[in-house]
Amino acid sequence: MMRRNGRAAILVYLSMWAIAVPQPPAQAKPSAYAIIAGTVFRENGLSLRGASVTLSRKDAPKFKKLHAVSDERGEFAFHVPPVESSFRVEASMKGFQTVTKETSIRGEERMELSLVLAEAK
């Protein structure tokens, strides 16, 4: 009789444990965003790897500046809120003159920029 009750207790315990184990969270839908992306080039048209790229918001001075480094193809990208905003993108690298461009976002969109850095003289 004890054995049967012991088995029942184990089955009850295991079934309670299976119910209590947390399930993986459901896949959340990605939140909406806009993308400001581009490529940093040298004057001769070759991409420039390792350039420092900074994004700041023109219409909100307290907006935290975002930073990136151009990859081996000279590319960079920033995800920003999809609200109408104006931004300033600045690219710099030692031995080159700093370049700044301005762009605007109106919603969920992708804005592409090309930044050409001239060698410092």
C-alpha atoms as a PDB file:
ATOM      1  CA  MET A   1       0.000   0.000   0.000  1.00  0.00           C
ATOM      2  CA  MET A   2       2.848   2.434   0.808  1.00  0.00           C
ATOM      3  CA  ARG A   3       4.458   1.735  -2.544  1.00  0.00           C
ATOM      4  CA  ARG A   4       1.348   2.686  -4.440  1.00  0.00           C
ATOM      5  CA  ASN A   5       0.979   5.939  -2.469  1.00  0.00           C
ATOM      6  CA  GLY A   6       4.679   6.672  -2.952  1.00  0.00           C
ATOM      7  CA  ARG A   7       4.363   6.270  -6.728  1.00  0.00           C
ATOM      8  CA  ALA A   8       1.266   8.442  -6.778  1.00  0.00           C
ATOM      9  CA  ALA A   9       3.091  11.121  -4.800  1.00  0.00           C
ATOM     10  CA  ILE A  10       5.995  11.030  -7.244  1.00  0.00           C
ATOM     11  CA  LEU A  11       3.619  11.310 -10.217  1.00  0.00           C
ATOM     12  CA  VAL A  12       1.824  14.234  -8.602  1.00  0.00           C
ATOM     13  CA  TYR A  13       5.160  15.903  -7.826  1.00  0.00           C
ATOM     14  CA  LEU A  14       6.450  15.426 -11.401  1.00  0.00           C
ATOM     15  CA  SER A  15       3.241  16.698 -12.976  1.00  0.00           C
ATOM     16  CA  MET A  16       3.325  19.795 -10.718  1.00  0.00           C
ATOM     17  CA  TRP A  17       6.962  20.369 -11.622  1.00  0.00           C
ATOM     18  CA  ALA A  18       6.184  20.147 -15.365  1.00  0.00           C
ATOM     19  CA  ILE A  19       3.457  22.759 -14.993  1.00  0.00           C
ATOM     20  CA  ALA A  20       5.677  25.053 -12.908  1.00  0.00           C
ATOM     21  CA  VAL A  21       8.619  25.053 -15.359  1.00  0.00           C
ATOM     22  CA  PRO A  22       8.637  28.436 -17.067  1.00  0.00           C
ATOM     23  CA  GLN A  23       7.911  28.338 -20.767  1.00  0.00           C
ATOM     24  CA  PRO A  24      10.152  30.226 -23.176  1.00  0.00           C
ATOM     25  CA  PRO A  25       8.771  33.689 -23.916  1.00  0.00           C
ATOM     26  CA  ALA A  26       6.756  34.125 -27.072  1.00  0.00           C
ATOM     27  CA  GLN A  27       8.645  35.830 -29.862  1.00  0.00           C
ATOM     28  CA  ALA A  28       8.057  39.528 -29.437  1.00  0.00           C
ATOM     29  CA  LYS A  29       7.240  41.491 -32.527  1.00  0.00           C
ATOM     30  CA  PRO A  30      10.148  43.757 -33.425  1.00  0.00           C
ATOM     31  CA  SER A  31       9.394  47.326 -32.483  1.00  0.00           C
ATOM     32  CA  ALA A  32       9.251  49.862 -35.264  1.00  0.00           C
ATOM     33  CA  TYR A  33      12.377  51.819 -36.110  1.00  0.00           C
ATOM     34  CA  ALA A  34      14.032  53.845 -38.839  1.00  0.00           C
ATOM     35  CA  ILE A  35      17.567  53.289 -40.106  1.00  0.00           C
ATOM     36  CA  ILE A  36      20.205  55.852 -40.900  1.00  0.00           C
ATOM     37  CA  ALA A  37      22.962  54.017 -42.731  1.00  0.00           C
ATOM     38  CA  GLY A  38      25.730  54.740 -45.156  1.00  0.00           C
ATOM     39  CA  THR A  39      29.264  54.268 -46.345  1.00  0.00           C
ATOM     40  CA  VAL A  40      32.447  56.208 -45.622  1.00  0.00           C
ATOM     41  CA  PHE A  41      34.744  56.677 -48.632  1.00  0.00           C
ATOM     42  CA  ARG A  42      38.159  58.166 -49.347  1.00  0.00           C
ATOM     43  CA  GLU A  43      38.413  60.812 -52.075  1.00  0.00           C
ATOM     44  CA  ASN A  44      39.659  58.166 -54.530  1.00  0.00           C
ATOM     45  CA  GLY A  45      36.355  56.248 -54.157  1.00  0.00           C
ATOM     46  CA  LEU A  46      37.654  53.386 -52.001  1.00  0.00           C
ATOM     47  CA  SER A  47      35.758  52.593 -48.822  1.00  0.00           C
ATOM     48  CA  LEU A  48      37.313  53.645 -45.537  1.00  0.00           C
ATOM     49  CA  ARG A  49      37.407  51.077 -42.746  1.00  0.00           C
ATOM     50  CA  GLY A  50      37.643  52.189 -39.102  1.00  0.00           C
ATOM     51  CA  ALA A  51      36.176  55.678 -39.425  1.00  0.00           C
ATOM     52  CA  SER A  52      34.373  56.960 -36.336  1.00  0.00           C
ATOM     53  CA  VAL A  53      30.754  57.880 -37.124  1.00  0.00           C
ATOM     54  CA  THR A  54      28.608  59.884 -34.677  1.00  0.00           C
ATOM     55  CA  LEU A  55      24.875  60.490 -34.925  1.00  0.00           C
ATOM     56  CA  SER A  56      23.280  63.392 -33.045  1.00  0.00           C
ATOM     57  CA  ARG A  57      19.765  64.765 -33.187  1.00  0.00           C
ATOM     58  CA  LYS A  58      19.552  68.397 -34.307  1.00  0.00           C
ATOM     59  CA  ASP A  59      16.131  69.113 -32.821  1.00  0.00           C
ATOM     60  CA  ALA A  60      16.786  67.496 -29.426  1.00  0.00           C
ATOM     61  CA  PRO A  61      20.141  68.508 -27.897  1.00  0.00           C
ATOM     62  CA  LYS A  62      19.649  66.132 -24.950  1.00  0.00           C
ATOM     63  CA  PHE A  63      19.358  63.139 -27.324  1.00  0.00           C
ATOM     64  CA  LYS A  64      22.139  60.700 -26.506  1.00  0.00           C
ATOM     65  CA  LYS A  65      24.700  60.671 -29.308  1.00  0.00           C
ATOM     66  CA  LEU A  66      25.148  57.314 -30.985  1.00  0.00           C
ATOM     67  CA  HIS A  67      28.567  56.072 -32.111  1.00  0.00           C
ATOM     68  CA  ALA A  68      29.675  53.496 -34.663  1.00  0.00           C
ATOM     69  CA  VAL A  69      32.819  52.481 -36.506  1.00  0.00           C
ATOM     70  CA  SER A  70      32.717  51.815 -40.237  1.00  0.00           C
ATOM     71  CA  ASP A  71      33.258  48.147 -41.062  1.00  0.00           C
ATOM     72  CA  GLU A  72      35.616  46.616 -43.641  1.00  0.00           C
ATOM     73  CA  ARG A  73      33.375  47.900 -46.447  1.00  0.00           C
ATOM     74  CA  GLY A  74      33.170  51.374 -44.889  1.00  0.00           C
ATOM     75  CA  GLU A  75      29.541  50.817 -43.868  1.00  0.00           C
ATOM     76  CA  PHE A  76      27.713  51.917 -40.722  1.00  0.00           C
ATOM     77  CA  ALA A  77      24.088  51.899 -39.502  1.00  0.00           C
ATOM     78  CA  PHE A  78      22.012  53.364 -36.675  1.00  0.00           C
ATOM     79  CA  HIS A  79      18.502  52.348 -35.564  1.00  0.00           C
ATOM     80  CA  VAL A  80      16.467  55.363 -34.450  1.00  0.00           C
ATOM     81  CA  PRO A  81      12.839  55.919 -33.370  1.00  0.00           C
ATOM     82  CA  PRO A  82      10.500  56.262 -36.385  1.00  0.00           C
ATOM     83  CA  VAL A  83       9.370  59.786 -35.544  1.00  0.00           C
ATOM     84  CA  GLU A  84       9.939  62.912 -37.590  1.00  0.00           C
ATOM     85  CA  SER A  85      13.417  64.102 -36.614  1.00  0.00           C
ATOM     86  CA  SER A  86      16.489  65.836 -38.000  1.00  0.00           C
ATOM     87  CA  PHE A  87      19.922  64.318 -37.487  1.00  0.00           C
ATOM     88  CA  ARG A  88      23.567  65.253 -37.947  1.00  0.00           C
ATOM     89  CA  VAL A  89      25.985  62.499 -39.007  1.00  0.00           C
ATOM     90  CA  GLU A  90      29.702  63.126 -38.538  1.00  0.00           C
ATOM     91  CA  ALA A  91      32.537  60.927 -39.804  1.00  0.00           C
ATOM     92  CA  SER A  92      36.142  61.327 -38.733  1.00  0.00           C
ATOM     93  CA  MET A  93      39.425  59.462 -38.797  1.00  0.00           C
ATOM     94  CA  LYS A  94      43.009  60.352 -37.948  1.00  0.00           C
ATOM     95  CA  GLY A  95      44.735  61.705 -41.034  1.00  0.00           C
ATOM     96  CA  PHE A  96      41.452  62.815 -42.657  1.00  0.00           C
ATOM     97  CA  GLN A  97      39.276  65.906 -42.466  1.00  0.00           C
ATOM     98  CA  THR A  98      36.003  65.492 -40.546  1.00  0.00           C
ATOM     99  CA  VAL A  99      32.824  65.515 -42.649  1.00  0.00           C
ATOM    100  CA  THR A 100      29.302  66.323 -41.426  1.00  0.00           C
ATOM    101  CA  LYS A 101      25.991  65.703 -43.223  1.00  0.00           C
ATOM    102  CA  GLU A 102      22.422  66.384 -42.150  1.00  0.00           C
ATOM    103  CA  THR A 103      19.416  64.178 -42.812  1.00  0.00           C
ATOM    104  CA  SER A 104      15.815  63.784 -41.693  1.00  0.00           C
ATOM    105  CA  ILE A 105      13.553  60.857 -40.856  1.00  0.00           C
ATOM    106  CA  ARG A 106       9.761  61.026 -41.241  1.00  0.00           C
ATOM    107  CA  GLY A 107       8.786  57.559 -40.047  1.00  0.00           C
ATOM    108  CA  GLU A 108       9.717  53.930 -40.629  1.00  0.00           C
ATOM    109  CA  GLU A 109      12.241  54.378 -43.405  1.00  0.00           C
ATOM    110  CA  ARG A 110      15.876  53.845 -44.347  1.00  0.00           C
ATOM    111  CA  MET A 111      18.056  56.846 -45.115  1.00  0.00           C
ATOM    112  CA  GLU A 112      21.310  56.173 -47.008  1.00  0.00           C
ATOM    113  CA  LEU A 113      24.291  58.535 -46.838  1.00  0.00           C
ATOM    114  CA  SER A 114      27.698  58.651 -48.495  1.00  0.00           C
ATOM    115  CA  LEU A 115      30.449  60.417 -46.582  1.00  0.00           C
ATOM    116  CA  VAL A 116      33.711  61.237 -48.398  1.00  0.00           C
ATOM    117  CA  LEU A 117      36.733  62.038 -46.213  1.00  0.00           C
ATOM    118  CA  ALA A 118      39.556  64.065 -47.719  1.00  0.00           C
ATOM    119  CA  GLU A 119      43.095  63.505 -46.480  1.00  0.00           C
ATOM    120  CA  ALA A 120      44.252  66.127 -43.960  1.00  0.00           C
ATOM    121  CA  LYS A 121      46.796  68.569 -45.274  1.00  0.00           C
END
